[in-house]
Amino acid sequence: MEVEKMDENEWKYHGEGNQSLVVSHCQRCVVLRFLKSPPNQNKTPEEILHHLQNIVDFGKHVMKQFFGENYVHHGEIIQLPLDFVRQLCLKIQPERPECRCDKDMDTLSGYAMLLPNLTRLQSLRFAEHRPILCIEIKPKCGFIPFSSHVSQEIKHKVCRYCMHQHLKVANGKWKRPSKYCPLDLFSGNKQRMHFALKSLLQEAQNNLKIFKNGELIYGCKDDQDCVCDWNELARHLKPFFFPCNGLVSGPQCTRTIVKELIHVITMALLSSTDTCRAGDMKTVPISQGRSYCEASAFNKELVRNGKHKLESSGLPRDCVLYKTLQAQMLDMLDIEGLYPLYSRVEQYLEEFPEERSTLQIDGPYNEAFYEKLLDLSLEDDGTVAFALTKVQQYRIAMTAKDCSIMIALSPCLQDECSEQRPVVLTSKSRFTFSVSVLDLDLKPYESIPHQYKLDGEIVNYYLKNVQAKDDPVMSNLFKENEDCTLVLHKV
């Protein structure tokens, strides 16, 4: 594809994060990713190229080892004519959210990453001209810390996401807390997964988006700019799920379509679409720690109904959720156990700053970097090498905790479906689909002190403002349920 020969009007604003901006092509299934920087702090072309190369190498040599070949699309670096880049920047600038305009798109180096558009089906030519539905989910951390370094018992009971929701609402980021709990989604139990996905649909925040033919139709464009109307969503989705029947608008139709959507998402998340084995990483036992969160709305409902046990069916080993969770669980020490090791590395770098490149803190992210991640030992021998290994594993875990899963779906006829193409069925339709993982840039080494501080803020706010109110209510419910049990038992 010769990007430099294409008119800038054939590209449109696609979205952006803290460090990069993405535009997509109107006809072809590709996107361009440009780095951003604060005004008057532009990096040299060489620095831009090095940064982009690190992103590509990290995806290619590290994250593909965790997720497999089909799930990770690392892209390639291309160089574009500067005039094309400047014209493109002028075209998309009016479409950028105001809160994102504190950083400028790189227009000086000409370097960008060429990537597949993951809102479209990957490697399925027959579906190119068919309607495409894509669901983007940012699942967040799917386990509760099991580290002995945790200082507050609440962290062994309530997950980070559920605690953080209350602080975000207090700070005005969201209007109300979501009922979504990542542990329900990662449970493998379909009832819990359905509840989690329904909760995401009710309060999408920035954890769920739905695209139709590449256009956002449901979810938040940026922070509080949300489009979350179930009836409107059902209108978009009806041709996918009920192409021929007589369902019309109304609450029953909407509920039915949403239920079908949740079923399809669940089956795609539990399916394996990558026959390639992941790398040589020994798995962290998922059985460590509890499999449920006490703050989960699903869990609280069970308690109210007199039940005390949450079923966790477990995840198929080749599904994308299992692989995501394995990468997340490289955070074996929790930030409280990790921070002293980070300080050890920092102290060493203060004495020997020239060793930073040798330690590969800023790359290169190659096979040698990956090999150093394979040691899951927790026996601290007091060395910088041990501390650095745990720091790098934590950075991988944080990356997996903040990644996004893209599920692209397209209707297919029965004679078009084969063993080579994964298919999920609904009551009236069948879909071929692809699953991809994105937002896999390695989390910065320098962000660890911020994570340590934020962890304390989240826990302290929850203890002071939430748990103190919830505990009497929940303990009374437990007491009532226990009393009922005693009445039913024969003496």
Protein backbone atom coordinates (compact mmCIF):
# COMPACT_ATOMS: atom_id res chain seq x y z
CA MET A 1 0.00 0.00 0.00
CA GLU A 2 1.58 3.29 -1.07
CA VAL A 3 0.33 5.65 1.64
CA GLU A 4 2.27 8.64 0.32
CA LYS A 5 0.29 8.58 -2.93
CA MET A 6 -3.08 8.74 -1.18
CA ASP A 7 -4.95 11.96 -0.61
CA GLU A 8 -5.14 13.10 3.02
CA ASN A 9 -8.92 13.35 2.64
CA GLU A 10 -9.07 9.55 2.42
CA TRP A 11 -8.04 9.37 6.08
CA LYS A 12 -10.11 10.24 9.15
CA TYR A 13 -9.51 10.79 12.85
CA HIS A 14 -9.75 7.46 14.66
CA GLY A 15 -8.77 8.20 18.26
CA GLU A 16 -5.78 8.81 20.49
CA GLY A 17 -4.12 7.98 23.76
CA ASN A 18 -1.60 9.76 25.94
CA GLN A 19 1.33 9.24 23.58
CA SER A 20 -0.08 8.65 20.12
CA LEU A 21 -2.78 9.62 17.64
CA VAL A 22 -4.44 7.25 15.15
CA VAL A 23 -6.10 7.88 11.80
CA SER A 24 -7.87 5.25 9.70
CA HIS A 25 -8.35 4.94 5.96
CA CYS A 26 -11.90 5.37 4.71
CA GLN A 27 -11.80 2.35 2.39
CA ARG A 28 -8.92 0.08 3.39
CA CYS A 29 -8.53 -1.82 6.65
CA VAL A 30 -5.45 0.05 7.86
CA VAL A 31 -4.59 2.78 10.34
CA LEU A 32 -1.65 5.13 10.82
CA ARG A 33 -0.33 5.80 14.30
CA PHE A 34 1.66 8.98 14.97
CA LEU A 35 3.48 9.87 18.18
CA LYS A 36 2.49 13.00 20.10
CA SER A 37 4.46 15.38 22.30
CA PRO A 38 3.78 18.59 24.29
CA PRO A 39 4.20 21.85 22.32
CA ASN A 40 7.84 22.94 21.90
CA GLN A 41 9.09 19.56 23.13
CA ASN A 42 9.34 17.82 19.79
CA LYS A 43 11.71 14.87 19.61
CA THR A 44 14.27 14.51 16.85
CA PRO A 45 13.41 12.22 13.92
CA GLU A 46 15.96 9.74 15.26
CA GLU A 47 14.27 9.71 18.68
CA ILE A 48 10.84 9.23 17.08
CA LEU A 49 12.13 6.34 14.99
CA HIS A 50 13.76 4.73 18.03
CA HIS A 51 10.55 5.06 20.07
CA LEU A 52 8.41 3.53 17.32
CA GLN A 53 10.91 0.73 16.78
CA ASN A 54 10.74 -0.10 20.49
CA ILE A 55 6.93 -0.34 20.27
CA VAL A 56 7.12 -2.67 17.26
CA ASP A 57 9.86 -4.83 18.82
CA PHE A 58 8.02 -5.12 22.12
CA GLY A 59 4.89 -6.38 20.40
CA LYS A 60 6.83 -8.71 18.11
CA HIS A 61 9.33 -10.23 20.56
CA VAL A 62 7.53 -10.04 23.90
CA MET A 63 3.74 -9.73 23.77
CA LYS A 64 3.37 -12.23 20.92
CA GLN A 65 5.05 -14.73 23.24
CA PHE A 66 2.26 -14.26 25.76
CA PHE A 67 -0.75 -14.05 23.46
CA GLY A 68 0.22 -15.89 20.29
CA GLU A 69 0.60 -14.95 16.63
CA ASN A 70 -3.01 -14.18 15.72
CA TYR A 71 -3.90 -12.00 18.70
CA VAL A 72 -1.08 -9.44 18.44
CA HIS A 73 -0.56 -7.12 15.44
CA HIS A 74 2.72 -5.25 15.95
CA GLY A 75 2.62 -3.35 12.66
CA GLU A 76 5.52 -1.82 10.79
CA ILE A 77 7.24 1.56 10.61
CA ILE A 78 6.89 3.64 7.46
CA GLN A 79 8.19 7.06 6.44
CA LEU A 80 5.75 9.52 4.87
CA PRO A 81 6.22 12.76 2.92
CA LEU A 82 6.18 15.65 5.39
CA ASP A 83 3.71 17.62 3.27
CA PHE A 84 1.23 14.72 3.44
CA VAL A 85 1.62 14.53 7.24
CA ARG A 86 1.09 18.28 7.72
CA GLN A 87 -2.02 18.32 5.54
CA LEU A 88 -3.38 15.31 7.39
CA CYS A 89 -2.75 17.03 10.74
CA LEU A 90 -4.67 20.13 9.59
CA LYS A 91 -7.58 17.98 8.43
CA ILE A 92 -8.05 16.03 11.66
CA GLN A 93 -7.25 18.78 14.18
CA PRO A 94 -10.89 20.04 14.39
CA GLU A 95 -12.07 16.51 15.20
CA ARG A 96 -9.77 16.06 18.20
CA PRO A 97 -11.34 16.38 21.69
CA GLU A 98 -10.29 19.57 23.46
CA CYS A 99 -8.82 17.64 26.38
CA ARG A 100 -6.41 15.89 23.99
CA CYS A 101 -5.08 19.01 22.32
CA ASP A 102 -2.42 19.65 24.96
CA LYS A 103 -0.09 17.55 22.81
CA ASP A 104 0.77 17.94 19.14
CA MET A 105 0.90 15.24 16.51
CA ASP A 106 4.42 14.62 15.22
CA THR A 107 4.66 16.38 11.86
CA LEU A 108 8.43 16.76 11.69
CA SER A 109 9.85 13.26 11.44
CA GLY A 110 7.55 11.69 8.85
CA TYR A 111 7.65 8.37 10.74
CA ALA A 112 4.46 6.49 11.63
CA MET A 113 3.30 2.95 12.34
CA LEU A 114 1.14 1.18 9.77
CA LEU A 115 -1.29 -1.18 11.49
CA PRO A 116 -4.41 -3.18 10.62
CA ASN A 117 -7.73 -1.58 11.52
CA LEU A 118 -8.89 -3.95 14.25
CA THR A 119 -12.50 -2.77 14.03
CA ARG A 120 -12.52 -4.85 10.82
CA LEU A 121 -12.18 -8.61 10.37
CA GLN A 122 -8.62 -9.77 9.91
CA SER A 123 -7.59 -12.04 7.00
CA LEU A 124 -11.10 -12.79 5.74
CA ARG A 125 -11.43 -11.44 2.22
CA PHE A 126 -14.98 -12.67 1.65
CA ALA A 127 -16.21 -10.41 4.48
CA GLU A 128 -14.61 -7.19 3.24
CA HIS A 129 -17.87 -5.87 1.75
CA ARG A 130 -20.16 -7.19 4.47
CA PRO A 131 -21.31 -5.20 7.53
CA ILE A 132 -18.82 -5.50 10.37
CA LEU A 133 -19.61 -5.26 14.06
CA CYS A 134 -16.73 -4.73 16.49
CA ILE A 135 -16.76 -4.75 20.28
CA GLU A 136 -13.80 -3.27 22.14
CA ILE A 137 -13.43 -4.29 25.79
CA LYS A 138 -10.83 -3.05 28.25
CA PRO A 139 -11.21 -5.82 30.86
CA LYS A 140 -8.75 -4.43 33.48
CA CYS A 141 -7.16 -6.56 36.23
CA GLY A 142 -8.83 -9.96 36.59
CA PHE A 143 -7.42 -11.15 39.93
CA ILE A 144 -7.13 -10.08 43.55
CA PRO A 145 -3.57 -9.65 44.93
CA PHE A 146 -2.24 -12.77 46.62
CA SER A 147 1.07 -11.26 47.72
CA SER A 148 2.10 -11.36 51.38
CA HIS A 149 3.44 -7.82 50.94
CA VAL A 150 -0.10 -6.40 50.89
CA SER A 151 -0.52 -4.24 54.00
CA GLN A 152 -4.30 -3.66 53.92
CA GLU A 153 -6.54 -6.71 54.24
CA ILE A 154 -9.19 -5.07 52.06
CA LYS A 155 -6.93 -5.63 49.02
CA HIS A 156 -7.28 -9.38 49.58
CA LYS A 157 -11.09 -9.03 49.43
CA VAL A 158 -11.99 -6.24 46.98
CA CYS A 159 -10.43 -5.85 43.53
CA ARG A 160 -8.56 -2.75 42.41
CA TYR A 161 -11.16 -1.84 39.76
CA CYS A 162 -14.11 -1.86 42.17
CA MET A 163 -12.23 0.26 44.70
CA HIS A 164 -10.96 2.69 42.06
CA GLN A 165 -14.51 3.30 40.78
CA HIS A 166 -15.44 5.16 43.96
CA LEU A 167 -12.39 7.42 43.81
CA LYS A 168 -13.07 8.22 40.15
CA VAL A 169 -16.67 9.19 40.94
CA ALA A 170 -15.48 11.37 43.85
CA ASN A 171 -12.99 13.10 41.53
CA GLY A 172 -15.72 13.76 38.95
CA LYS A 173 -14.38 11.46 36.23
CA TRP A 174 -17.63 9.46 36.15
CA LYS A 175 -21.13 10.26 37.35
CA ARG A 176 -21.76 6.91 39.03
CA PRO A 177 -19.81 3.70 39.78
CA SER A 178 -20.13 0.80 37.38
CA LYS A 179 -21.45 -2.58 38.52
CA TYR A 180 -18.82 -4.24 36.32
CA CYS A 181 -16.23 -6.34 38.16
CA PRO A 182 -13.31 -7.81 36.17
CA LEU A 183 -13.23 -10.95 38.31
CA ASP A 184 -16.73 -11.82 37.07
CA LEU A 185 -15.60 -11.53 33.44
CA PHE A 186 -12.43 -13.57 34.05
CA SER A 187 -14.28 -16.25 36.05
CA GLY A 188 -15.16 -18.39 33.03
CA ASN A 189 -18.61 -18.84 34.59
CA LYS A 190 -21.11 -17.81 31.92
CA GLN A 191 -23.66 -16.44 34.40
CA ARG A 192 -21.01 -14.19 35.96
CA MET A 193 -19.63 -13.23 32.55
CA HIS A 194 -23.09 -12.27 31.29
CA PHE A 195 -23.63 -10.11 34.37
CA ALA A 196 -20.24 -8.44 33.85
CA LEU A 197 -20.94 -7.68 30.18
CA LYS A 198 -24.43 -6.39 30.93
CA SER A 199 -22.89 -4.10 33.55
CA LEU A 200 -20.40 -2.81 30.97
CA LEU A 201 -23.26 -2.09 28.59
CA GLN A 202 -25.08 -0.19 31.34
CA GLU A 203 -22.03 1.91 32.30
CA ALA A 204 -19.59 1.71 29.41
CA GLN A 205 -17.22 4.40 30.73
CA ASN A 206 -13.98 3.82 28.77
CA ASN A 207 -14.14 0.03 29.18
CA LEU A 208 -16.49 -0.80 26.30
CA LYS A 209 -17.05 0.53 22.79
CA ILE A 210 -19.06 -0.84 19.88
CA PHE A 211 -18.28 -0.02 16.25
CA LYS A 212 -20.39 -0.62 13.16
CA ASN A 213 -18.38 -0.60 9.92
CA GLY A 214 -15.60 1.22 11.77
CA GLU A 215 -17.87 3.96 13.20
CA LEU A 216 -18.44 4.26 16.95
CA ILE A 217 -22.11 3.62 17.74
CA TYR A 218 -21.93 2.91 21.49
CA GLY A 219 -19.59 3.94 24.30
CA CYS A 220 -17.50 6.94 25.26
CA LYS A 221 -15.66 8.85 22.57
CA ASP A 222 -13.50 10.52 25.18
CA ASP A 223 -14.04 10.55 28.95
CA GLN A 224 -17.62 11.72 29.62
CA ASP A 225 -18.68 12.12 25.99
CA CYS A 226 -20.80 8.96 25.95
CA VAL A 227 -23.33 7.45 23.56
CA CYS A 228 -25.18 4.83 25.63
CA ASP A 229 -28.75 4.35 24.45
CA TRP A 230 -29.82 0.68 24.45
CA ASN A 231 -32.75 1.29 22.11
CA GLU A 232 -30.51 3.02 19.60
CA LEU A 233 -27.97 0.23 19.96
CA ALA A 234 -30.70 -2.36 19.30
CA ARG A 235 -31.70 -0.49 16.15
CA HIS A 236 -28.13 -0.79 14.86
CA LEU A 237 -27.79 -4.45 15.87
CA LYS A 238 -31.15 -5.87 14.77
CA PRO A 239 -30.03 -6.55 11.13
CA PHE A 240 -27.09 -8.56 12.52
CA PHE A 241 -29.02 -10.74 14.96
CA PHE A 242 -32.54 -10.88 13.47
CA PRO A 243 -32.18 -10.28 9.72
CA CYS A 244 -35.48 -11.86 8.70
CA ASN A 245 -37.94 -11.99 11.58
CA GLY A 246 -40.65 -9.51 12.47
CA LEU A 247 -39.25 -8.06 15.66
CA VAL A 248 -40.09 -4.39 15.94
CA SER A 249 -38.97 -1.69 18.32
CA GLY A 250 -39.80 -1.90 21.98
CA PRO A 251 -38.36 -2.99 25.34
CA GLN A 252 -38.72 -6.72 24.60
CA CYS A 253 -36.88 -6.36 21.28
CA THR A 254 -34.10 -4.35 22.91
CA ARG A 255 -33.61 -6.83 25.74
CA THR A 256 -33.56 -9.76 23.33
CA ILE A 257 -30.94 -8.17 21.09
CA VAL A 258 -28.75 -7.16 24.04
CA LYS A 259 -28.97 -10.73 25.34
CA GLU A 260 -27.86 -12.09 21.95
CA LEU A 261 -24.98 -9.61 21.86
CA ILE A 262 -23.80 -10.66 25.32
CA HIS A 263 -23.95 -14.32 24.27
CA VAL A 264 -21.82 -13.68 21.18
CA ILE A 265 -19.22 -11.69 23.12
CA THR A 266 -19.00 -14.40 25.79
CA MET A 267 -18.49 -17.19 23.26
CA ALA A 268 -15.83 -15.19 21.39
CA LEU A 269 -13.95 -14.47 24.61
CA LEU A 270 -13.99 -18.16 25.57
CA SER A 271 -13.01 -19.40 22.10
CA SER A 272 -9.52 -20.04 20.84
CA THR A 273 -8.76 -18.29 17.56
CA ASP A 274 -5.02 -18.88 17.75
CA THR A 275 -3.64 -22.39 17.31
CA CYS A 276 -0.12 -21.14 18.00
CA ARG A 277 1.19 -21.88 21.47
CA ALA A 278 2.35 -19.00 23.59
CA GLY A 279 6.01 -18.77 24.56
CA ASP A 280 8.06 -20.60 27.17
CA MET A 281 6.69 -18.65 30.14
CA LYS A 282 5.78 -20.89 33.05
CA THR A 283 2.26 -20.02 34.09
CA VAL A 284 1.41 -18.36 37.38
CA PRO A 285 -1.16 -20.52 39.20
CA ILE A 286 -4.51 -18.82 38.70
CA SER A 287 -5.81 -20.62 41.79
CA GLN A 288 -3.75 -18.30 44.00
CA GLY A 289 -5.95 -15.86 45.86
CA ARG A 290 -9.74 -15.77 45.88
CA SER A 291 -11.74 -16.02 42.68
CA TYR A 292 -14.35 -13.40 43.56
CA CYS A 293 -14.52 -9.80 44.74
CA GLU A 294 -16.62 -8.94 47.79
CA ALA A 295 -17.65 -5.63 46.20
CA SER A 296 -19.01 -7.29 43.05
CA ALA A 297 -22.71 -6.55 42.57
CA PHE A 298 -23.13 -10.17 41.46
CA ASN A 299 -21.53 -11.39 44.69
CA LYS A 300 -23.65 -9.07 46.85
CA GLU A 301 -26.80 -10.34 45.16
CA LEU A 302 -25.81 -13.92 46.01
CA VAL A 303 -25.29 -12.96 49.64
CA ARG A 304 -28.70 -11.27 49.77
CA ASN A 305 -30.24 -14.48 48.41
CA GLY A 306 -28.58 -16.57 51.10
CA LYS A 307 -25.80 -18.02 48.95
CA HIS A 308 -22.17 -17.77 49.91
CA LYS A 309 -20.25 -19.47 47.15
CA LEU A 310 -19.46 -18.09 43.73
CA GLU A 311 -18.84 -20.71 41.08
CA SER A 312 -15.71 -20.16 39.00
CA SER A 313 -15.77 -22.47 35.99
CA GLY A 314 -12.26 -21.58 34.89
CA LEU A 315 -11.07 -20.30 31.53
CA PRO A 316 -10.06 -22.45 28.54
CA ARG A 317 -6.28 -22.31 28.34
CA ASP A 318 -6.16 -21.04 24.76
CA CYS A 319 -8.75 -18.28 25.05
CA VAL A 320 -7.76 -14.63 25.03
CA LEU A 321 -8.94 -14.01 28.62
CA TYR A 322 -6.74 -16.81 29.96
CA LYS A 323 -3.69 -15.45 28.16
CA THR A 324 -4.45 -11.93 29.33
CA LEU A 325 -4.80 -13.09 32.92
CA GLN A 326 -1.54 -15.01 32.80
CA ALA A 327 0.32 -11.88 31.71
CA GLN A 328 -1.43 -9.81 34.38
CA MET A 329 -0.41 -12.25 37.10
CA LEU A 330 3.26 -11.50 36.53
CA ASP A 331 2.45 -8.87 39.16
CA MET A 332 3.27 -11.43 41.84
CA LEU A 333 4.43 -9.01 44.55
CA ASP A 334 1.78 -6.29 44.25
CA ILE A 335 2.97 -2.68 43.95
CA GLU A 336 3.68 -2.70 47.71
CA GLY A 337 6.20 -5.51 47.36
CA LEU A 338 7.51 -4.20 44.05
CA TYR A 339 8.23 -0.62 45.10
CA PRO A 340 11.24 -1.43 47.35
CA LEU A 341 12.75 -3.40 44.46
CA TYR A 342 12.20 -0.43 42.14
CA SER A 343 14.00 1.74 44.73
CA ARG A 344 16.91 -0.75 44.70
CA VAL A 345 17.22 -0.40 40.92
CA GLU A 346 16.95 3.39 41.20
CA GLN A 347 19.71 3.53 43.78
CA TYR A 348 21.94 1.42 41.54
CA LEU A 349 21.27 3.71 38.56
CA GLU A 350 22.14 6.77 40.63
CA GLU A 351 25.56 5.24 41.30
CA PHE A 352 26.02 3.78 37.81
CA PRO A 353 23.87 5.78 35.34
CA GLU A 354 25.76 4.35 32.39
CA GLU A 355 24.29 0.91 33.21
CA ARG A 356 20.75 1.94 32.22
CA SER A 357 21.20 0.74 28.64
CA THR A 358 22.84 -2.51 29.81
CA LEU A 359 19.83 -3.24 32.01
CA GLN A 360 17.54 -2.76 28.96
CA ILE A 361 15.16 -0.50 30.84
CA ASP A 362 14.51 1.52 27.68
CA GLY A 363 14.97 -1.38 25.29
CA PRO A 364 15.91 -2.96 23.03
CA TYR A 365 12.93 -5.24 23.58
CA ASN A 366 14.30 -8.32 21.90
CA GLU A 367 14.52 -12.05 22.55
CA ALA A 368 17.13 -11.45 25.28
CA PHE A 369 14.71 -9.12 27.08
CA TYR A 370 12.00 -11.76 26.94
CA GLU A 371 14.31 -14.51 28.23
CA LYS A 372 14.94 -12.49 31.39
CA LEU A 373 11.19 -12.52 32.13
CA LEU A 374 11.03 -16.30 32.46
CA ASP A 375 12.29 -16.44 36.05
CA LEU A 376 9.24 -16.54 38.33
CA SER A 377 11.24 -17.09 41.52
CA LEU A 378 10.25 -14.93 44.49
CA GLU A 379 13.36 -15.63 46.57
CA ASP A 380 15.06 -12.26 46.89
CA ASP A 381 18.83 -12.68 46.88
CA GLY A 382 19.36 -8.95 47.39
CA THR A 383 20.76 -8.37 43.91
CA VAL A 384 19.91 -5.70 41.38
CA ALA A 385 19.31 -8.48 38.84
CA PHE A 386 16.48 -9.95 40.93
CA ALA A 387 14.95 -6.52 41.53
CA LEU A 388 15.12 -5.63 37.84
CA THR A 389 13.47 -8.89 36.76
CA LYS A 390 10.53 -8.24 39.08
CA VAL A 391 10.28 -4.62 37.89
CA GLN A 392 10.18 -5.70 34.25
CA GLN A 393 7.61 -8.40 34.98
CA TYR A 394 5.48 -5.80 36.76
CA ARG A 395 5.64 -3.53 33.71
CA ILE A 396 4.42 -6.42 31.53
CA ALA A 397 1.60 -7.10 34.00
CA MET A 398 0.55 -3.45 34.01
CA THR A 399 0.49 -3.48 30.21
CA ALA A 400 -1.81 -6.53 30.23
CA LYS A 401 -4.04 -4.92 32.87
CA ASP A 402 -4.64 -1.95 30.59
CA CYS A 403 -4.88 -3.69 27.20
CA SER A 404 -8.00 -3.81 25.03
CA ILE A 405 -9.61 -6.85 23.38
CA MET A 406 -11.21 -6.33 19.97
CA ILE A 407 -13.89 -8.75 18.75
CA ALA A 408 -14.81 -8.20 15.09
CA LEU A 409 -17.91 -10.02 13.78
CA SER A 410 -19.45 -10.42 10.36
CA PRO A 411 -22.56 -12.41 9.36
CA CYS A 412 -21.77 -15.48 7.26
CA LEU A 413 -23.78 -18.09 5.42
CA GLN A 414 -23.55 -21.74 6.39
CA ASP A 415 -21.71 -22.76 3.21
CA GLU A 416 -19.08 -20.04 3.80
CA CYS A 417 -18.13 -21.31 7.25
CA SER A 418 -15.32 -23.82 7.58
CA GLU A 419 -13.01 -25.22 10.21
CA GLN A 420 -10.42 -22.58 9.30
CA ARG A 421 -12.80 -19.76 10.23
CA PRO A 422 -14.06 -19.48 13.80
CA VAL A 423 -17.84 -19.20 13.96
CA VAL A 424 -20.25 -18.31 16.74
CA LEU A 425 -23.99 -19.04 16.50
CA THR A 426 -27.02 -17.16 17.79
CA SER A 427 -30.70 -18.07 17.63
CA LYS A 428 -31.16 -16.61 14.14
CA SER A 429 -27.66 -15.82 12.82
CA ARG A 430 -24.12 -17.05 12.55
CA PHE A 431 -20.98 -14.95 12.63
CA THR A 432 -17.39 -15.43 11.66
CA PHE A 433 -15.14 -13.46 13.96
CA SER A 434 -11.60 -12.44 14.82
CA VAL A 435 -10.16 -11.55 18.23
CA SER A 436 -7.22 -9.19 18.63
CA VAL A 437 -5.41 -7.48 21.49
CA LEU A 438 -4.21 -3.89 21.29
CA ASP A 439 -2.86 -1.09 23.55
CA LEU A 440 0.18 -3.25 24.23
CA ASP A 441 2.84 -0.55 24.62
CA LEU A 442 5.10 -1.37 27.56
CA LYS A 443 4.19 0.75 30.60
CA PRO A 444 6.91 3.27 31.43
CA TYR A 445 9.49 2.43 34.07
CA GLU A 446 9.07 5.96 35.43
CA SER A 447 5.35 5.40 36.15
CA ILE A 448 6.00 3.02 39.07
CA PRO A 449 6.15 5.74 41.78
CA HIS A 450 2.84 7.10 40.47
CA GLN A 451 1.29 3.62 40.66
CA TYR A 452 2.52 3.23 44.24
CA LYS A 453 1.01 6.57 45.27
CA LEU A 454 -2.25 5.92 43.41
CA ASP A 455 -2.63 2.51 45.05
CA GLY A 456 -2.52 4.13 48.47
CA GLU A 457 -5.03 6.79 47.47
CA ILE A 458 -7.48 4.21 46.10
CA VAL A 459 -7.31 1.98 49.18
CA ASN A 460 -7.47 4.81 51.72
CA TYR A 461 -10.47 6.43 50.02
CA TYR A 462 -12.30 3.10 49.89
CA LEU A 463 -11.64 2.30 53.54
CA LYS A 464 -12.76 5.72 54.77
CA ASN A 465 -15.73 6.38 52.51
CA VAL A 466 -17.09 3.06 51.27
CA GLN A 467 -16.23 0.10 53.46
CA ALA A 468 -17.26 1.90 56.64
CA LYS A 469 -20.78 2.30 55.17
CA ASP A 470 -21.01 -1.14 53.56
CA ASP A 471 -19.73 -3.33 56.40
CA PRO A 472 -22.73 -3.01 58.77
CA VAL A 473 -25.19 -3.67 55.94
CA MET A 474 -23.32 -6.69 54.57
CA SER A 475 -22.59 -8.15 58.00
CA ASN A 476 -26.32 -7.94 58.84
CA LEU A 477 -27.11 -9.74 55.59
CA PHE A 478 -24.60 -12.47 56.42
CA LYS A 479 -26.08 -12.72 59.92
CA GLU A 480 -29.66 -12.95 58.59
CA ASN A 481 -28.68 -15.61 56.08
CA GLU A 482 -26.85 -17.61 58.73
CA ASP A 483 -29.87 -17.39 61.01
CA CYS A 484 -32.08 -18.74 58.22
CA THR A 485 -29.69 -21.62 57.71
CA LEU A 486 -29.86 -22.53 61.39
CA VAL A 487 -33.66 -22.62 61.30
CA LEU A 488 -33.65 -25.02 58.35
CA HIS A 489 -31.17 -27.45 59.92
CA LYS A 490 -32.47 -30.30 62.03
CA VAL A 491 -31.30 -30.20 65.65
